[in-house]
């Protein structure tokens, strides 16, 4: 899920491009829902970083 969110959101990570990328309302809402879910899982300890 982290890879999907990171790789699919180039317009939010500042690429060097003269032409701005366009994202539909649906894509933006999906990205937000995914991010909120991930934050919740990390916050509650359901997901954690392995050392």
PDB file of N, CA and C in Angstrom:
ATOM      1  N   UNK A   1       0.823  -1.197   0.000  1.00  0.00           N
ATOM      2  CA  UNK A   1       0.000   0.000   0.000  1.00  0.00           C
ATOM      3  C   UNK A   1       0.861   1.252   0.000  1.00  0.00           C
ATOM      4  N   UNK A   2       1.959   1.207   0.756  1.00  0.00           N
ATOM      5  CA  UNK A   2       2.856   2.364   0.765  1.00  0.00           C
ATOM      6  C   UNK A   2       3.458   2.606  -0.609  1.00  0.00           C
ATOM      7  N   UNK A   3       3.875   1.549  -1.264  1.00  0.00           N
ATOM      8  CA  UNK A   3       4.448   1.689  -2.608  1.00  0.00           C
ATOM      9  C   UNK A   3       3.433   2.247  -3.588  1.00  0.00           C
ATOM     10  N   UNK A   4       2.214   1.754  -3.503  1.00  0.00           N
ATOM     11  CA  UNK A   4       1.155   2.240  -4.387  1.00  0.00           C
ATOM     12  C   UNK A   4       0.927   3.734  -4.192  1.00  0.00           C
ATOM     13  N   UNK A   5       0.842   4.145  -2.963  1.00  0.00           N
ATOM     14  CA  UNK A   5       0.602   5.556  -2.672  1.00  0.00           C
ATOM     15  C   UNK A   5       1.775   6.422  -3.127  1.00  0.00           C
ATOM     16  N   UNK A   6       2.977   6.010  -2.815  1.00  0.00           N
ATOM     17  CA  UNK A   6       4.170   6.791  -3.153  1.00  0.00           C
ATOM     18  C   UNK A   6       4.365   6.882  -4.653  1.00  0.00           C
ATOM     19  N   UNK A   7       4.293   5.767  -5.360  1.00  0.00           N
ATOM     20  CA  UNK A   7       4.584   5.745  -6.797  1.00  0.00           C
ATOM     21  C   UNK A   7       3.471   6.349  -7.637  1.00  0.00           C
ATOM     22  N   UNK A   8       2.272   6.387  -7.115  1.00  0.00           N
ATOM     23  CA  UNK A   8       1.144   6.884  -7.904  1.00  0.00           C
ATOM     24  C   UNK A   8       0.901   8.373  -7.733  1.00  0.00           C
ATOM     25  N   UNK A   9       1.639   9.028  -6.889  1.00  0.00           N
ATOM     26  CA  UNK A   9       1.349  10.421  -6.571  1.00  0.00           C
ATOM     27  C   UNK A   9       2.518  11.349  -6.912  1.00  0.00           C
ATOM     28  N   UNK A  10       3.039  11.247  -8.136  1.00  0.00           N
ATOM     29  CA  UNK A  10       4.198  12.054  -8.540  1.00  0.00           C
ATOM     30  C   UNK A  10       3.923  13.547  -8.457  1.00  0.00           C
ATOM     31  N   UNK A  11       2.701  13.951  -8.715  1.00  0.00           N
ATOM     32  CA  UNK A  11       2.394  15.374  -8.702  1.00  0.00           C
ATOM     33  C   UNK A  11       2.469  15.946  -7.296  1.00  0.00           C
ATOM     34  N   UNK A  12       2.465  15.122  -6.275  1.00  0.00           N
ATOM     35  CA  UNK A  12       2.538  15.594  -4.899  1.00  0.00           C
ATOM     36  C   UNK A  12       3.955  15.530  -4.339  1.00  0.00           C
ATOM     37  N   UNK A  13       4.909  15.051  -5.158  1.00  0.00           N
ATOM     38  CA  UNK A  13       6.267  14.894  -4.665  1.00  0.00           C
ATOM     39  C   UNK A  13       7.254  15.781  -5.411  1.00  0.00           C
ATOM     40  N   UNK A  14       6.787  16.747  -6.125  1.00  0.00           N
ATOM     41  CA  UNK A  14       7.638  17.743  -6.753  1.00  0.00           C
ATOM     42  C   UNK A  14       8.590  17.209  -7.805  1.00  0.00           C
ATOM     43  N   UNK A  15       8.085  16.931  -8.963  1.00  0.00           N
ATOM     44  CA  UNK A  15       8.951  16.510 -10.057  1.00  0.00           C
ATOM     45  C   UNK A  15       9.369  17.731 -10.858  1.00  0.00           C
ATOM     46  N   UNK A  16      10.512  17.634 -11.482  1.00  0.00           N
ATOM     47  CA  UNK A  16      11.007  18.709 -12.331  1.00  0.00           C
ATOM     48  C   UNK A  16      10.343  18.605 -13.700  1.00  0.00           C
ATOM     49  N   UNK A  17       9.250  19.284 -13.878  1.00  0.00           N
ATOM     50  CA  UNK A  17       8.507  19.196 -15.123  1.00  0.00           C
ATOM     51  C   UNK A  17       7.779  20.524 -15.340  1.00  0.00           C
ATOM     52  N   UNK A  18       7.872  21.035 -16.559  1.00  0.00           N
ATOM     53  CA  UNK A  18       7.206  22.299 -16.858  1.00  0.00           C
ATOM     54  C   UNK A  18       5.687  22.135 -16.971  1.00  0.00           C
ATOM     55  N   UNK A  19       5.241  20.936 -17.282  1.00  0.00           N
ATOM     56  CA  UNK A  19       3.825  20.675 -17.456  1.00  0.00           C
ATOM     57  C   UNK A  19       3.288  20.000 -16.194  1.00  0.00           C
ATOM     58  N   UNK A  20       2.399  20.670 -15.483  1.00  0.00           N
ATOM     59  CA  UNK A  20       1.872  20.047 -14.262  1.00  0.00           C
ATOM     60  C   UNK A  20       1.018  18.828 -14.598  1.00  0.00           C
ATOM     61  N   UNK A  21       1.118  17.811 -13.769  1.00  0.00           N
ATOM     62  CA  UNK A  21       0.308  16.617 -13.948  1.00  0.00           C
ATOM     63  C   UNK A  21      -1.108  16.897 -13.476  1.00  0.00           C
ATOM     64  N   UNK A  22      -2.053  16.237 -14.077  1.00  0.00           N
ATOM     65  CA  UNK A  22      -3.437  16.411 -13.649  1.00  0.00           C
ATOM     66  C   UNK A  22      -3.898  15.151 -12.941  1.00  0.00           C
ATOM     67  N   UNK A  23      -4.655  15.335 -11.908  1.00  0.00           N
ATOM     68  CA  UNK A  23      -5.190  14.230 -11.126  1.00  0.00           C
ATOM     69  C   UNK A  23      -6.683  14.452 -11.009  1.00  0.00           C
ATOM     70  N   UNK A  24      -7.436  13.402 -11.251  1.00  0.00           N
ATOM     71  CA  UNK A  24      -8.890  13.528 -11.171  1.00  0.00           C
ATOM     72  C   UNK A  24      -9.319  13.614  -9.708  1.00  0.00           C
ATOM     73  N   UNK A  25     -10.530  14.065  -9.504  1.00  0.00           N
ATOM     74  CA  UNK A  25     -11.095  14.131  -8.156  1.00  0.00           C
ATOM     75  C   UNK A  25     -11.119  12.742  -7.532  1.00  0.00           C
ATOM     76  N   UNK A  26     -11.505  11.751  -8.317  1.00  0.00           N
ATOM     77  CA  UNK A  26     -11.579  10.367  -7.821  1.00  0.00           C
ATOM     78  C   UNK A  26     -10.194   9.855  -7.391  1.00  0.00           C
ATOM     79  N   UNK A  27      -9.161  10.137  -8.189  1.00  0.00           N
ATOM     80  CA  UNK A  27      -7.800   9.713  -7.835  1.00  0.00           C
ATOM     81  C   UNK A  27      -7.329  10.388  -6.550  1.00  0.00           C
ATOM     82  N   UNK A  28      -7.642  11.663  -6.400  1.00  0.00           N
ATOM     83  CA  UNK A  28      -7.250  12.393  -5.195  1.00  0.00           C
ATOM     84  C   UNK A  28      -7.962  11.832  -3.969  1.00  0.00           C
ATOM     85  N   UNK A  29      -9.241  11.527  -4.106  1.00  0.00           N
ATOM     86  CA  UNK A  29      -9.995  10.961  -2.989  1.00  0.00           C
ATOM     87  C   UNK A  29      -9.484   9.574  -2.618  1.00  0.00           C
ATOM     88  N   UNK A  30      -9.140   8.774  -3.609  1.00  0.00           N
ATOM     89  CA  UNK A  30      -8.587   7.441  -3.348  1.00  0.00           C
ATOM     90  C   UNK A  30      -7.247   7.535  -2.627  1.00  0.00           C
ATOM     91  N   UNK A  31      -6.407   8.456  -3.048  1.00  0.00           N
ATOM     92  CA  UNK A  31      -5.111   8.635  -2.400  1.00  0.00           C
ATOM     93  C   UNK A  31      -5.284   9.075  -0.950  1.00  0.00           C
ATOM     94  N   UNK A  32      -6.221   9.954  -0.703  1.00  0.00           N
ATOM     95  CA  UNK A  32      -6.477  10.417   0.653  1.00  0.00           C
ATOM     96  C   UNK A  32      -6.969   9.272   1.531  1.00  0.00           C
ATOM     97  N   UNK A  33      -7.905   8.479   1.025  1.00  0.00           N
ATOM     98  CA  UNK A  33      -8.435   7.343   1.794  1.00  0.00           C
ATOM     99  C   UNK A  33      -7.328   6.347   2.116  1.00  0.00           C
ATOM    100  N   UNK A  34      -6.463   6.077   1.169  1.00  0.00           N
ATOM    101  CA  UNK A  34      -5.344   5.159   1.390  1.00  0.00           C
ATOM    102  C   UNK A  34      -4.380   5.715   2.434  1.00  0.00           C
ATOM    103  N   UNK A  35      -4.065   6.994   2.334  1.00  0.00           N
ATOM    104  CA  UNK A  35      -3.147   7.627   3.286  1.00  0.00           C
ATOM    105  C   UNK A  35      -3.729   7.627   4.703  1.00  0.00           C
ATOM    106  N   UNK A  36      -5.003   7.933   4.829  1.00  0.00           N
ATOM    107  CA  UNK A  36      -5.642   7.951   6.151  1.00  0.00           C
ATOM    108  C   UNK A  36      -5.617   6.552   6.770  1.00  0.00           C
ATOM    109  N   UNK A  37      -5.901   5.542   5.962  1.00  0.00           N
ATOM    110  CA  UNK A  37      -5.863   4.163   6.454  1.00  0.00           C
ATOM    111  C   UNK A  37      -4.469   3.797   6.942  1.00  0.00           C
ATOM    112  N   UNK A  38      -3.457   4.119   6.164  1.00  0.00           N
ATOM    113  CA  UNK A  38      -2.080   3.803   6.555  1.00  0.00           C
ATOM    114  C   UNK A  38      -1.678   4.522   7.841  1.00  0.00           C
ATOM    115  N   UNK A  39      -2.014   5.787   7.953  1.00  0.00           N
ATOM    116  CA  UNK A  39      -1.683   6.542   9.166  1.00  0.00           C
ATOM    117  C   UNK A  39      -2.358   5.912  10.370  1.00  0.00           C
ATOM    118  N   UNK A  40      -3.605   5.535  10.225  1.00  0.00           N
ATOM    119  CA  UNK A  40      -4.343   4.907  11.326  1.00  0.00           C
ATOM    120  C   UNK A  40      -3.682   3.593  11.741  1.00  0.00           C
ATOM    121  N   UNK A  41      -3.309   2.779  10.779  1.00  0.00           N
ATOM    122  CA  UNK A  41      -2.672   1.495  11.092  1.00  0.00           C
ATOM    123  C   UNK A  41      -1.344   1.689  11.819  1.00  0.00           C
ATOM    124  N   UNK A  42      -0.533   2.647  11.356  1.00  0.00           N
ATOM    125  CA  UNK A  42       0.742   2.903  12.034  1.00  0.00           C
ATOM    126  C   UNK A  42       0.505   3.479  13.425  1.00  0.00           C
ATOM    127  N   UNK A  43      -0.457   4.356  13.548  1.00  0.00           N
ATOM    128  CA  UNK A  43      -0.757   4.996  14.831  1.00  0.00           C
ATOM    129  C   UNK A  43      -1.216   3.992  15.888  1.00  0.00           C
ATOM    130  N   UNK A  44      -2.004   3.010  15.477  1.00  0.00           N
ATOM    131  CA  UNK A  44      -2.528   2.029  16.435  1.00  0.00           C
ATOM    132  C   UNK A  44      -1.591   0.852  16.653  1.00  0.00           C
ATOM    133  N   UNK A  45      -0.519   0.768  15.875  1.00  0.00           N
ATOM    134  CA  UNK A  45       0.419  -0.335  16.019  1.00  0.00           C
ATOM    135  C   UNK A  45       0.045  -1.564  15.223  1.00  0.00           C
ATOM    136  N   UNK A  46      -1.030  -1.479  14.430  1.00  0.00           N
ATOM    137  CA  UNK A  46      -1.432  -2.612  13.596  1.00  0.00           C
ATOM    138  C   UNK A  46      -0.363  -2.917  12.543  1.00  0.00           C
ATOM    139  N   UNK A  47       0.353  -1.884  12.136  1.00  0.00           N
ATOM    140  CA  UNK A  47       1.482  -2.005  11.197  1.00  0.00           C
ATOM    141  C   UNK A  47       2.661  -1.305  11.829  1.00  0.00           C
ATOM    142  N   UNK A  48       3.814  -1.893  11.728  1.00  0.00           N
ATOM    143  CA  UNK A  48       5.000  -1.268  12.295  1.00  0.00           C
ATOM    144  C   UNK A  48       6.221  -1.616  11.450  1.00  0.00           C
ATOM    145  N   UNK A  49       7.258  -0.858  11.624  1.00  0.00           N
ATOM    146  CA  UNK A  49       8.489  -1.046  10.871  1.00  0.00           C
ATOM    147  C   UNK A  49       9.307  -2.162  11.496  1.00  0.00           C
ATOM    148  N   UNK A  50       9.733  -3.097  10.659  1.00  0.00           N
ATOM    149  CA  UNK A  50      10.612  -4.175  11.128  1.00  0.00           C
ATOM    150  C   UNK A  50      12.036  -3.672  11.159  1.00  0.00           C
ATOM    151  N   UNK A  51      12.768  -4.044  12.167  1.00  0.00           N
ATOM    152  CA  UNK A  51      14.188  -3.648  12.259  1.00  0.00           C
ATOM    153  C   UNK A  51      15.094  -4.712  11.727  1.00  0.00           C
TER     154      UNK A  51
END
